[in-house]
Amino acid sequence: NAREKAGDDFIIVYRLSALDLVEGGNTLEDIITQAKSVEAAGATIINTGIGWHEARIPTIAHMVPRGAFTWAVKRIKPHVTIPLVYSNRVNNPQQADGIISEGVADMVSMARPLLADPDFMKKTREGRPEEINICIGCNQGCLDNAFTGKLTTCMVNPRACREVDLNYRPASTPKNFAVVGAGPGGLAFAATAAEQGHKVTLFEASDEIGGQFNLAKIIPGKEDYAETITYYGALLRKFNVDVKLNHTASAADLVDKGFDAVILATGITPRTPDIPGIDHPKVLSYLDVLAGGKPVGDKVAIIGAGGIGFDVAEYIMHPEGPGDPAHPDIARFNSEWGIDGDYAHAGGLSPEGMRMPCDKQVWLLQRKPHNKFGATLSKTRGWATFVEVMFRGVKMVGDVEYDMIDDAGLHIRAGGEPQTLDVDSIVVCAGQDSRRDLHDALVQAGITVHLIGGADEARELDAVRAIEQASRLVATL
């Protein structure tokens, strides 16, 4: 017996699945019986987990609502007297407090949020929740790396697990930096450099900071990306960054203005493919749809099946728009993914299965062979995106050549076979090019210029690389 061997003054925490989410899994009665047995055997604390790797339901990725499984753990609590811990998709102190005050559990456990911000508890204790770098559930730096044999880190905190080789030094001689572009990379550099004591002026052409994260946050399931923008906004104010919104920086703004260096974080420009008829009125760029709010018809073809293409598919399949992460619609999530919120069936699975209706006909097209669909998606959450798109009836077509666009629709050859897609709208997500309009003029004027993020390399939009690149640049300056 572990308790006998450990002694009475030793804490034993037992991890118990509160909801299996697999066929033939435990019933609620089974789980309660196990919890009672664990307490009787001498455990100090029961820490609950949700699901198994074999489950076809996501449990921790960003499409999972915050606190999505509190209802399951709350059903266990009345049956044990030792402390019960809730886990899974808890990312802020207000939510954690609510879980405890509402009687769901006695404690809350977190892992990824402490990679995102190791000072999570310190900032909470000091009443600075707005300065917490919130985990957005992207998995890109942590679990994706862990499952592919790379060093675990965090997209929004590249110092995580790299504290030895990535360090910042307070400025002994403060410098004056200009940052052009307030996307993730530009924000990371501006906030981090200012925190070290440098003077920073941040130019942003639009009326808000955030860059591509402003597009990500309106994709249903990615609403938490707004938290990163909020975090950087708090740091810009705290460290007195001079933010110039609605200001498209020109060389005149940057030359002979006393800047020691200019950081170009100007991002990307969507690429327009060379297809006859690409200027047809039914053709839209993904920026037209996501940033411009232009409506799409009931039959939509998406050219390009990378991460942006899948995001656009998610967006147009959810006419209700993004949800409120602070007030998540857990009942809807349960219904869509086939979860039995009443816990009346084994494993917590609904007999009806997954229900993901979609009123639109959507084609997701790519030049690569069909078996390469989703190849650029996250290793640990891309499968869930792929499953959702498939269950909503999206037709994924690979090995596509684009012949022409006209009033009849999009003319393609799939595997060499010609066909015409009778669509109302065509959304182009066919790659991007770096935006470096200012680079040459600044270099010719003798200005030290650094390129970061999409301005440096316009591959698949990559906030992991942009934020790390910005952070390492601060460390070298």
Protein backbone atom coordinates (compact mmCIF):
# COMPACT_ATOMS: atom_id res chain seq x y z
CA ASN A 1 0.00 0.00 0.00
CA ALA A 2 1.47 3.35 -1.09
CA ARG A 3 0.07 5.20 1.93
CA GLU A 4 1.57 2.75 4.39
CA LYS A 5 4.97 2.98 2.73
CA ALA A 6 4.92 6.77 2.36
CA GLY A 7 3.61 7.57 5.82
CA ASP A 8 0.83 9.90 6.90
CA ASP A 9 2.77 13.13 6.32
CA PHE A 10 3.40 12.48 2.61
CA ILE A 11 1.12 13.97 -0.05
CA ILE A 12 -0.18 11.46 -2.59
CA VAL A 13 -1.98 12.91 -5.62
CA TYR A 14 -3.97 10.44 -7.71
CA ARG A 15 -4.81 11.29 -11.33
CA LEU A 16 -8.31 10.10 -12.22
CA SER A 17 -10.09 10.33 -15.55
CA ALA A 18 -13.31 12.23 -14.88
CA LEU A 19 -14.61 11.72 -18.42
CA ASP A 20 -13.14 9.10 -20.77
CA LEU A 21 -14.69 10.25 -24.09
CA VAL A 22 -14.09 6.84 -25.66
CA GLU A 23 -16.46 4.05 -26.66
CA GLY A 24 -17.00 1.62 -23.81
CA GLY A 25 -15.47 4.03 -21.33
CA ASN A 26 -16.37 4.40 -17.69
CA THR A 27 -19.83 5.51 -16.65
CA LEU A 28 -20.33 8.29 -14.12
CA GLU A 29 -21.09 5.63 -11.51
CA ASP A 30 -17.80 3.89 -12.35
CA ILE A 31 -15.87 7.13 -11.92
CA ILE A 32 -17.54 7.90 -8.59
CA THR A 33 -16.78 4.38 -7.34
CA GLN A 34 -13.14 4.79 -8.35
CA ALA A 35 -12.92 8.19 -6.64
CA LYS A 36 -14.29 6.77 -3.40
CA SER A 37 -11.87 3.85 -3.58
CA VAL A 38 -8.94 6.18 -4.18
CA GLU A 39 -9.90 8.23 -1.12
CA ALA A 40 -10.36 5.10 0.99
CA ALA A 41 -6.92 3.88 -0.08
CA GLY A 42 -5.34 6.99 1.41
CA ALA A 43 -4.87 9.50 -1.41
CA THR A 44 -4.46 13.10 -0.27
CA ILE A 45 -5.78 14.75 -3.44
CA ILE A 46 -7.59 13.61 -6.60
CA ASN A 47 -6.48 15.41 -9.75
CA THR A 48 -8.95 14.91 -12.58
CA GLY A 49 -8.09 14.44 -16.23
CA ILE A 50 -10.32 14.49 -19.29
CA GLY A 51 -10.26 12.07 -22.21
CA TRP A 52 -7.57 9.84 -23.64
CA HIS A 53 -5.22 10.19 -26.58
CA GLU A 54 -7.44 7.69 -28.39
CA ALA A 55 -10.47 9.97 -28.01
CA ARG A 56 -11.81 11.61 -31.18
CA ILE A 57 -12.74 14.72 -29.22
CA PRO A 58 -10.32 17.60 -28.55
CA THR A 59 -9.88 18.38 -24.86
CA ILE A 60 -7.21 21.07 -24.54
CA ALA A 61 -6.76 22.82 -27.90
CA HIS A 62 -8.02 26.33 -28.56
CA MET A 63 -11.32 25.17 -30.11
CA VAL A 64 -12.25 23.70 -26.72
CA PRO A 65 -14.16 26.27 -24.63
CA ARG A 66 -12.61 27.39 -21.39
CA GLY A 67 -13.67 25.08 -18.57
CA ALA A 68 -15.49 22.84 -21.05
CA PHE A 69 -15.61 19.86 -18.71
CA THR A 70 -16.40 21.44 -15.35
CA TRP A 71 -19.85 19.82 -15.44
CA ALA A 72 -18.28 16.35 -15.31
CA VAL A 73 -15.97 17.08 -12.40
CA LYS A 74 -18.75 18.82 -10.45
CA ARG A 75 -20.70 15.55 -10.47
CA ILE A 76 -17.86 13.81 -8.64
CA LYS A 77 -17.21 16.37 -5.93
CA PRO A 78 -20.15 15.54 -3.59
CA HIS A 79 -18.94 11.95 -3.31
CA VAL A 80 -15.45 12.58 -1.90
CA THR A 81 -14.15 14.54 1.06
CA ILE A 82 -10.53 14.97 -0.02
CA PRO A 83 -9.60 17.92 -2.28
CA LEU A 84 -10.60 17.56 -5.93
CA VAL A 85 -8.63 19.31 -8.68
CA TYR A 86 -10.01 20.50 -12.03
CA SER A 87 -7.76 20.54 -15.11
CA ASN A 88 -8.12 21.33 -18.84
CA ARG A 89 -8.50 24.73 -20.52
CA VAL A 90 -8.09 26.98 -17.51
CA ASN A 91 -6.01 29.98 -18.53
CA ASN A 92 -6.78 32.97 -16.30
CA PRO A 93 -7.20 33.70 -12.59
CA GLN A 94 -10.79 34.93 -12.84
CA GLN A 95 -11.85 31.65 -14.42
CA ALA A 96 -9.91 29.62 -11.85
CA ASP A 97 -11.55 31.53 -9.00
CA GLY A 98 -14.96 30.89 -10.54
CA ILE A 99 -14.39 27.15 -10.77
CA ILE A 100 -13.57 27.03 -7.07
CA SER A 101 -16.29 29.44 -5.89
CA GLU A 102 -18.96 27.62 -7.92
CA GLY A 103 -18.15 24.36 -6.16
CA VAL A 104 -16.76 22.54 -9.18
CA ALA A 105 -13.50 21.65 -7.45
CA ASP A 106 -11.32 22.62 -4.51
CA MET A 107 -8.29 23.47 -6.62
CA VAL A 108 -7.33 24.11 -10.22
CA SER A 109 -4.23 22.76 -11.95
CA MET A 110 -2.51 24.44 -14.87
CA ALA A 111 0.51 23.57 -17.00
CA ARG A 112 0.62 25.42 -20.34
CA PRO A 113 -0.43 28.75 -18.74
CA LEU A 114 2.77 28.62 -16.68
CA LEU A 115 4.82 28.19 -19.85
CA ALA A 116 3.06 31.23 -21.28
CA ASP A 117 3.78 33.25 -18.15
CA PRO A 118 5.94 31.91 -15.31
CA ASP A 119 4.83 34.91 -13.22
CA PHE A 120 1.15 33.97 -13.52
CA MET A 121 0.67 33.54 -9.78
CA LYS A 122 2.81 36.54 -8.83
CA LYS A 123 0.82 38.85 -11.10
CA THR A 124 -2.43 37.38 -9.81
CA ARG A 125 -1.40 37.90 -6.20
CA GLU A 126 -0.35 41.48 -6.93
CA GLY A 127 -3.60 42.34 -8.70
CA ARG A 128 -2.10 42.63 -12.20
CA PRO A 129 -4.16 40.12 -14.22
CA GLU A 130 -4.06 42.34 -17.32
CA GLU A 131 -0.28 41.80 -17.44
CA ILE A 132 -0.55 38.01 -17.55
CA ASN A 133 0.58 36.50 -20.83
CA ILE A 134 -2.41 34.22 -21.31
CA CYS A 135 -2.09 30.73 -22.82
CA ILE A 136 -4.21 30.72 -25.98
CA GLY A 137 -4.31 26.95 -26.37
CA CYS A 138 -2.47 26.95 -29.70
CA ASN A 139 -0.13 24.05 -28.74
CA GLN A 140 2.34 25.25 -31.36
CA GLY A 141 5.35 25.77 -29.13
CA CYS A 142 4.61 23.20 -26.44
CA LEU A 143 2.82 20.00 -27.42
CA ASP A 144 3.57 20.25 -31.14
CA ASN A 145 7.26 20.42 -30.30
CA ALA A 146 7.04 17.67 -27.69
CA PHE A 147 5.38 15.27 -30.12
CA THR A 148 7.91 15.97 -32.87
CA GLY A 149 11.04 15.59 -30.76
CA LYS A 150 11.79 19.30 -30.41
CA LEU A 151 12.43 21.38 -27.31
CA THR A 152 9.19 22.36 -25.63
CA THR A 153 8.59 26.10 -25.46
CA CYS A 154 5.67 28.52 -25.94
CA MET A 155 4.50 30.59 -28.89
CA VAL A 156 3.67 33.63 -26.76
CA ASN A 157 6.72 33.19 -24.50
CA PRO A 158 9.79 31.99 -26.41
CA ARG A 159 11.88 32.07 -23.21
CA ALA A 160 9.92 29.10 -21.85
CA CYS A 161 12.40 26.21 -21.41
CA ARG A 162 15.10 28.43 -22.96
CA GLU A 163 15.81 30.59 -19.95
CA VAL A 164 19.52 29.82 -20.13
CA ASP A 165 20.13 30.84 -23.74
CA LEU A 166 17.53 33.61 -24.17
CA ASN A 167 18.00 36.43 -21.70
CA TYR A 168 17.43 40.17 -21.79
CA ARG A 169 19.73 42.74 -20.24
CA PRO A 170 18.47 46.04 -18.86
CA ALA A 171 19.78 48.80 -21.10
CA SER A 172 22.88 50.44 -19.63
CA THR A 173 22.78 52.91 -22.53
CA PRO A 174 19.18 53.14 -23.76
CA LYS A 175 18.71 53.17 -27.52
CA ASN A 176 15.98 54.66 -29.66
CA PHE A 177 14.13 52.15 -31.85
CA ALA A 178 11.39 52.52 -34.42
CA VAL A 179 9.17 49.51 -35.04
CA VAL A 180 7.00 49.47 -38.14
CA GLY A 181 4.05 47.10 -37.82
CA ALA A 182 2.12 46.11 -34.69
CA GLY A 183 1.56 42.44 -35.44
CA PRO A 184 2.82 39.72 -33.08
CA GLY A 185 6.49 40.23 -34.01
CA GLY A 186 6.39 44.01 -33.84
CA LEU A 187 4.52 43.96 -30.54
CA ALA A 188 6.95 41.45 -29.04
CA PHE A 189 9.96 43.56 -29.97
CA ALA A 190 8.40 46.87 -28.90
CA ALA A 191 7.19 45.63 -25.52
CA THR A 192 10.32 43.64 -24.67
CA ALA A 193 12.76 46.36 -25.74
CA ALA A 194 10.84 49.03 -23.83
CA GLU A 195 10.79 46.83 -20.74
CA GLN A 196 14.59 46.75 -20.85
CA GLY A 197 14.69 50.56 -20.82
CA HIS A 198 14.95 51.41 -24.51
CA LYS A 199 12.87 54.14 -26.14
CA VAL A 200 10.46 52.68 -28.69
CA THR A 201 8.16 54.25 -31.25
CA LEU A 202 5.67 51.86 -32.83
CA PHE A 203 4.05 52.71 -36.17
CA GLU A 204 0.86 50.91 -37.21
CA ALA A 205 -1.06 51.63 -40.41
CA SER A 206 -4.42 50.41 -39.08
CA ASP A 207 -6.48 51.67 -36.17
CA GLU A 208 -5.53 48.85 -33.79
CA ILE A 209 -2.58 46.75 -32.74
CA GLY A 210 -2.50 43.00 -33.31
CA GLY A 211 -1.85 42.47 -37.02
CA GLN A 212 -2.82 39.00 -38.20
CA PHE A 213 -4.01 38.11 -34.69
CA ASN A 214 -6.96 40.41 -35.34
CA LEU A 215 -7.94 37.98 -38.08
CA ALA A 216 -7.23 34.91 -35.95
CA LYS A 217 -9.42 36.12 -33.08
CA ILE A 218 -12.56 36.17 -35.25
CA ILE A 219 -12.13 32.54 -36.34
CA PRO A 220 -14.54 30.46 -34.22
CA GLY A 221 -12.36 28.50 -31.82
CA LYS A 222 -9.50 31.00 -31.90
CA GLU A 223 -11.12 33.74 -29.85
CA ASP A 224 -8.40 33.51 -27.19
CA TYR A 225 -5.87 35.00 -29.61
CA ALA A 226 -7.31 38.34 -28.54
CA GLU A 227 -5.69 37.76 -25.14
CA THR A 228 -2.21 38.15 -26.63
CA ILE A 229 -3.19 41.51 -28.11
CA THR A 230 -4.59 42.61 -24.75
CA TYR A 231 -1.38 41.54 -23.01
CA TYR A 232 0.88 43.46 -25.34
CA GLY A 233 -1.40 46.49 -25.13
CA ALA A 234 -0.94 46.51 -21.36
CA LEU A 235 2.85 46.32 -21.72
CA LEU A 236 2.99 49.09 -24.32
CA ARG A 237 1.17 51.37 -21.89
CA LYS A 238 3.21 50.29 -18.87
CA PHE A 239 6.57 50.85 -20.55
CA ASN A 240 5.59 54.05 -22.37
CA VAL A 241 5.89 52.89 -25.96
CA ASP A 242 4.90 55.72 -28.30
CA VAL A 243 2.19 54.03 -30.39
CA LYS A 244 1.19 55.78 -33.61
CA LEU A 245 -1.98 54.18 -34.98
CA ASN A 246 -3.46 55.01 -38.38
CA HIS A 247 0.05 55.94 -39.43
CA THR A 248 1.59 54.34 -42.51
CA ALA A 249 5.26 54.94 -41.85
CA SER A 250 7.31 56.43 -44.66
CA ALA A 251 11.04 56.83 -45.05
CA ALA A 252 10.58 60.47 -44.06
CA ASP A 253 9.23 59.31 -40.67
CA LEU A 254 12.32 57.23 -40.03
CA VAL A 255 15.36 58.92 -41.63
CA ASP A 256 17.20 61.56 -39.62
CA LYS A 257 14.82 61.14 -36.67
CA GLY A 258 17.42 59.90 -34.23
CA PHE A 259 16.55 56.21 -34.40
CA ASP A 260 19.42 53.83 -33.70
CA ALA A 261 17.68 51.12 -35.71
CA VAL A 262 14.41 50.43 -37.47
CA ILE A 263 12.66 47.10 -37.05
CA LEU A 264 10.47 46.27 -40.02
CA ALA A 265 7.63 44.02 -38.86
CA THR A 266 5.43 44.98 -41.79
CA GLY A 267 4.16 41.48 -42.41
CA ILE A 268 2.90 40.13 -45.69
CA THR A 269 0.78 40.84 -48.72
CA PRO A 270 -1.58 38.08 -49.93
CA ARG A 271 -0.43 36.59 -53.21
CA THR A 272 -2.76 36.75 -56.21
CA PRO A 273 -2.49 33.64 -58.39
CA ASP A 274 -2.20 33.99 -62.15
CA ILE A 275 -5.57 32.57 -63.17
CA PRO A 276 -7.59 33.94 -66.09
CA GLY A 277 -10.57 35.78 -64.62
CA ILE A 278 -8.96 36.33 -61.21
CA ASP A 279 -10.42 39.85 -61.26
CA HIS A 280 -14.00 38.51 -61.53
CA PRO A 281 -16.42 40.08 -58.98
CA LYS A 282 -16.99 36.75 -57.25
CA VAL A 283 -13.28 36.52 -56.34
CA LEU A 284 -12.28 37.68 -52.86
CA SER A 285 -9.03 37.56 -50.93
CA TYR A 286 -9.06 36.16 -47.42
CA LEU A 287 -8.48 39.71 -46.20
CA ASP A 288 -11.66 40.82 -47.97
CA VAL A 289 -13.60 38.20 -46.03
CA LEU A 290 -11.92 38.27 -42.61
CA ALA A 291 -10.83 41.90 -42.32
CA GLY A 292 -13.19 43.56 -44.77
CA GLY A 293 -16.31 41.70 -43.74
CA LYS A 294 -17.34 41.03 -47.33
CA PRO A 295 -20.06 38.35 -47.44
CA VAL A 296 -19.72 35.08 -49.31
CA GLY A 297 -22.46 33.16 -51.07
CA ASP A 298 -23.96 29.78 -50.26
CA LYS A 299 -21.52 27.97 -52.55
CA VAL A 300 -17.87 28.81 -51.92
CA ALA A 301 -14.57 27.62 -53.34
CA ILE A 302 -11.41 28.26 -51.32
CA ILE A 303 -8.19 28.30 -53.34
CA GLY A 304 -5.42 27.11 -51.04
CA ALA A 305 -5.66 24.55 -48.24
CA GLY A 306 -2.97 25.74 -45.87
CA GLY A 307 -3.69 27.05 -42.40
CA ILE A 308 -5.35 30.19 -43.76
CA GLY A 309 -7.59 28.17 -46.07
CA PHE A 310 -8.78 26.01 -43.18
CA ASP A 311 -9.37 29.13 -41.06
CA VAL A 312 -11.48 30.69 -43.80
CA ALA A 313 -13.47 27.45 -44.08
CA GLU A 314 -14.11 27.52 -40.32
CA TYR A 315 -15.14 31.17 -40.51
CA ILE A 316 -17.68 30.82 -43.29
CA MET A 317 -19.13 27.61 -41.81
CA HIS A 318 -19.99 29.48 -38.60
CA PRO A 319 -22.37 32.29 -39.62
CA GLU A 320 -22.93 33.03 -35.93
CA GLY A 321 -19.37 34.33 -35.76
CA PRO A 322 -16.87 33.99 -32.92
CA GLY A 323 -18.04 33.33 -29.40
CA ASP A 324 -17.25 35.03 -26.11
CA PRO A 325 -14.47 33.01 -24.46
CA ALA A 326 -15.43 34.38 -21.04
CA HIS A 327 -18.97 32.99 -21.48
CA PRO A 328 -18.48 29.87 -23.60
CA ASP A 329 -21.33 27.92 -25.16
CA ILE A 330 -20.42 24.54 -23.71
CA ALA A 331 -23.77 23.00 -24.64
CA ARG A 332 -23.09 23.79 -28.29
CA PHE A 333 -19.58 22.31 -28.08
CA ASN A 334 -20.99 19.14 -26.52
CA SER A 335 -23.66 18.82 -29.19
CA GLU A 336 -21.24 19.34 -32.06
CA TRP A 337 -18.65 16.88 -30.80
CA GLY A 338 -21.09 14.22 -29.58
CA ILE A 339 -20.51 14.66 -25.85
CA ASP A 340 -23.26 13.63 -23.44
CA GLY A 341 -23.51 16.62 -21.12
CA ASP A 342 -25.92 14.70 -18.87
CA TYR A 343 -23.30 11.96 -18.39
CA ALA A 344 -25.97 9.30 -18.88
CA HIS A 345 -23.89 7.12 -21.20
CA ALA A 346 -20.59 5.27 -20.89
CA GLY A 347 -17.54 7.36 -21.66
CA GLY A 348 -19.67 10.50 -21.71
CA LEU A 349 -20.45 10.02 -25.41
CA SER A 350 -23.81 10.93 -26.89
CA PRO A 351 -25.57 8.15 -28.86
CA GLU A 352 -26.35 10.71 -31.58
CA GLY A 353 -22.65 11.21 -32.27
CA MET A 354 -21.17 14.35 -33.78
CA ARG A 355 -23.62 16.92 -35.13
CA MET A 356 -22.03 19.68 -37.17
CA PRO A 357 -24.56 21.05 -39.64
CA CYS A 358 -23.49 23.56 -42.29
CA ASP A 359 -25.79 25.56 -44.55
CA LYS A 360 -23.09 26.27 -47.13
CA GLN A 361 -21.42 24.17 -49.79
CA VAL A 362 -17.68 24.60 -49.51
CA TRP A 363 -14.82 23.31 -51.67
CA LEU A 364 -11.30 23.43 -50.24
CA LEU A 365 -8.81 23.16 -53.10
CA GLN A 366 -5.07 22.67 -53.33
CA ARG A 367 -2.44 21.94 -55.96
CA LYS A 368 -0.82 19.25 -53.82
CA PRO A 369 -2.13 15.66 -53.89
CA HIS A 370 -5.22 14.92 -51.81
CA ASN A 371 -3.27 13.00 -49.16
CA LYS A 372 -1.40 16.18 -48.24
CA PHE A 373 -4.49 17.99 -46.92
CA GLY A 374 -3.83 19.55 -43.53
CA ALA A 375 -0.09 18.87 -43.75
CA THR A 376 0.76 22.37 -42.47
CA LEU A 377 -1.71 22.30 -39.57
CA SER A 378 -0.68 21.87 -35.95
CA LYS A 379 0.42 18.33 -35.11
CA THR A 380 -1.70 18.16 -31.95
CA ARG A 381 -4.80 20.15 -32.89
CA GLY A 382 -4.83 20.07 -36.69
CA TRP A 383 -6.56 16.69 -36.63
CA ALA A 384 -9.53 18.26 -34.82
CA THR A 385 -9.76 21.06 -37.37
CA PHE A 386 -9.58 18.49 -40.16
CA VAL A 387 -12.32 16.37 -38.57
CA GLU A 388 -14.59 19.37 -38.09
CA VAL A 389 -14.18 20.55 -41.67
CA MET A 390 -14.87 17.03 -42.90
CA PHE A 391 -17.98 16.56 -40.74
CA ARG A 392 -19.38 19.88 -41.95
CA GLY A 393 -19.34 18.50 -45.45
CA VAL A 394 -16.46 20.45 -46.96
CA LYS A 395 -15.31 18.85 -50.19
CA MET A 396 -11.51 18.64 -50.16
CA VAL A 397 -10.03 18.33 -53.64
CA GLY A 398 -6.32 17.90 -54.30
CA ASP A 399 -4.09 17.75 -57.37
CA VAL A 400 -5.93 20.79 -58.75
CA GLU A 401 -4.99 22.99 -61.69
CA TYR A 402 -6.92 26.23 -62.11
CA ASP A 403 -8.02 26.99 -65.66
CA MET A 404 -10.38 29.96 -65.53
CA ILE A 405 -12.93 31.96 -63.55
CA ASP A 406 -16.07 33.29 -65.20
CA ASP A 407 -19.81 33.70 -64.59
CA ALA A 408 -20.22 29.92 -64.68
CA GLY A 409 -17.85 29.47 -61.76
CA LEU A 410 -14.35 28.13 -61.19
CA HIS A 411 -13.02 25.90 -63.96
CA ILE A 412 -10.46 23.39 -62.69
CA ARG A 413 -8.79 20.12 -63.52
CA ALA A 414 -8.62 17.70 -60.61
CA GLY A 415 -6.28 14.82 -61.30
CA GLY A 416 -6.39 15.89 -64.92
CA GLU A 417 -10.19 15.67 -65.14
CA PRO A 418 -11.87 18.98 -66.08
CA GLN A 419 -14.83 20.21 -64.05
CA THR A 420 -16.61 23.45 -63.30
CA LEU A 421 -17.51 24.38 -59.74
CA ASP A 422 -20.76 26.33 -59.80
CA VAL A 423 -19.89 28.67 -56.95
CA ASP A 424 -21.06 32.10 -55.83
CA SER A 425 -17.77 33.09 -54.21
CA ILE A 426 -14.11 32.21 -54.62
CA VAL A 427 -11.80 33.03 -51.71
CA VAL A 428 -8.09 33.14 -52.48
CA CYS A 429 -5.72 31.83 -49.79
CA ALA A 430 -2.81 31.08 -52.12
CA GLY A 431 0.21 32.18 -50.16
CA GLN A 432 1.76 35.54 -49.41
CA ASP A 433 4.76 37.73 -50.16
CA SER A 434 6.89 39.72 -47.73
CA ARG A 435 6.09 43.39 -47.46
CA ARG A 436 9.39 45.28 -47.47
CA ASP A 437 8.46 48.57 -49.11
CA LEU A 438 10.69 50.63 -46.83
CA HIS A 439 13.72 48.38 -46.67
CA ASP A 440 15.83 49.58 -49.60
CA ALA A 441 15.20 53.29 -49.00
CA LEU A 442 16.21 52.98 -45.35
CA VAL A 443 19.36 50.99 -46.11
CA GLN A 444 20.38 53.52 -48.76
CA ALA A 445 19.91 56.27 -46.18
CA GLY A 446 22.35 54.50 -43.87
CA ILE A 447 19.74 53.29 -41.38
CA THR A 448 20.30 50.02 -39.54
CA VAL A 449 17.33 47.83 -40.49
CA HIS A 450 16.15 44.52 -39.05
CA LEU A 451 13.47 42.37 -40.68
CA ILE A 452 11.31 40.14 -38.49
CA GLY A 453 8.26 37.95 -38.97
CA GLY A 454 6.52 37.86 -42.32
CA ALA A 455 8.58 40.80 -43.57
CA ASP A 456 11.63 38.58 -43.21
CA GLU A 457 10.15 35.35 -44.54
CA ALA A 458 6.62 34.97 -45.92
CA ARG A 459 6.05 31.29 -45.41
CA GLU A 460 2.87 29.97 -43.76
CA LEU A 461 1.88 32.63 -41.23
CA ASP A 462 4.08 31.76 -38.28
CA ALA A 463 3.67 33.71 -35.06
CA VAL A 464 5.99 31.28 -33.25
CA ARG A 465 8.89 32.35 -35.45
CA ALA A 466 7.90 36.04 -35.47
CA ILE A 467 7.72 36.36 -31.68
CA GLU A 468 10.89 34.34 -31.10
CA GLN A 469 12.75 36.31 -33.76
CA ALA A 470 11.70 39.58 -32.15
CA SER A 471 12.66 38.37 -28.68
CA ARG A 472 16.09 37.16 -29.75
CA LEU A 473 16.71 40.43 -31.55
CA VAL A 474 16.08 42.34 -28.32
CA ALA A 475 18.53 40.04 -26.54
CA THR A 476 21.27 40.86 -29.07
CA LEU A 477 20.73 44.63 -28.95
